[in-house]
């Protein structure tokens, strides 16, 4: 019997899964990672493999992963195409943290004797770095995700919703996010409000997705609202602390504080004068995990005053899998229940 097999190495970053696929039976065509993403989005065979690895019964509605590719050039260690149940995303901070730790733990990148190893990765939104920290025994302790330049596209955008008119900020952090204060719609970011957060997050995303506010200023491939960050401010006089649930794609909820979403929050809070240079954002998730984030520098790009965010977290391997597709299985490539 001619069965298909796919091998994965699975990690989680602050609770959010990341399924790493290093070998595919199809060539990912394209001159660079952004072009490979466009190819993957339009190639039936790649789309079928994504669904097999993401959909039930091998995955679930909130599964996330990536296909390892060649880098754009010799300046990076490798490239990656990020995927979820609805397609291929432009950025993924939790995935970048997982990939950096995987690359060090599995010998893909040699550990620097200093204890700080830069894993350089080409992603669809640009070149990012996973700065992996190890102790004297060579064990990974954590990793810093150093993102592309992130900046506010629009502030106080009015959006009509079933809960009334709301105001959101729209920010690019490798992907474009709308950001809603949970208190403005009478919510708190807790598991009990999971369903309501998905509903309002989806509503805002689709209301803004094709609007002028969701247009990337230089690369239309990065346009569109990727997700809605529903945040709750828990700050004190001495500490900037927030908790969020990021609703991305079509109703997926990030179990982590969301790496690229955290980058968007860093840019927004800096623009609004809440986050000062060197000040740490303690960013929590709906499951209680946390990232710490700062901006490393302010730069100029596309006429915006963007920041270079650094998001710190850790990831742990959860398993290795050989997924089998039986040619007699009429549920291939799978299904999603939401």
Foldseek 3Di string as FASTA:
>chain_A
DDKDKFKWWWKFFLRQIETEGEDDPDDQDDLAQLRSQVSLQPDPVSVQVLLLCDFPPNHAQQHKYWYWAAHNDPVALTEIFIAHNQGTAQDFQSNQFVVVQCCQVVVSFDQDQVQWDWHWYATNLGIWTWTWGADNVSHTDKTKTWFDWKAWLDFQDWDQDPLGIFGWTWMFLSAIETEGAQVVSPDDLAPVCLVVCLRVWQRVQVRPFPPPSQADLPDRSRGGHFWYWHKYFPDDPQATEMETWIQGDRRHTGQFLIRSVVQRVQNVCVVVVNADAPGWYWYGYNNGGTKIKHFPDWDDDSNGTTTTMMIMTHMDTDDMDIDIDDPVDPQRSHDHDD
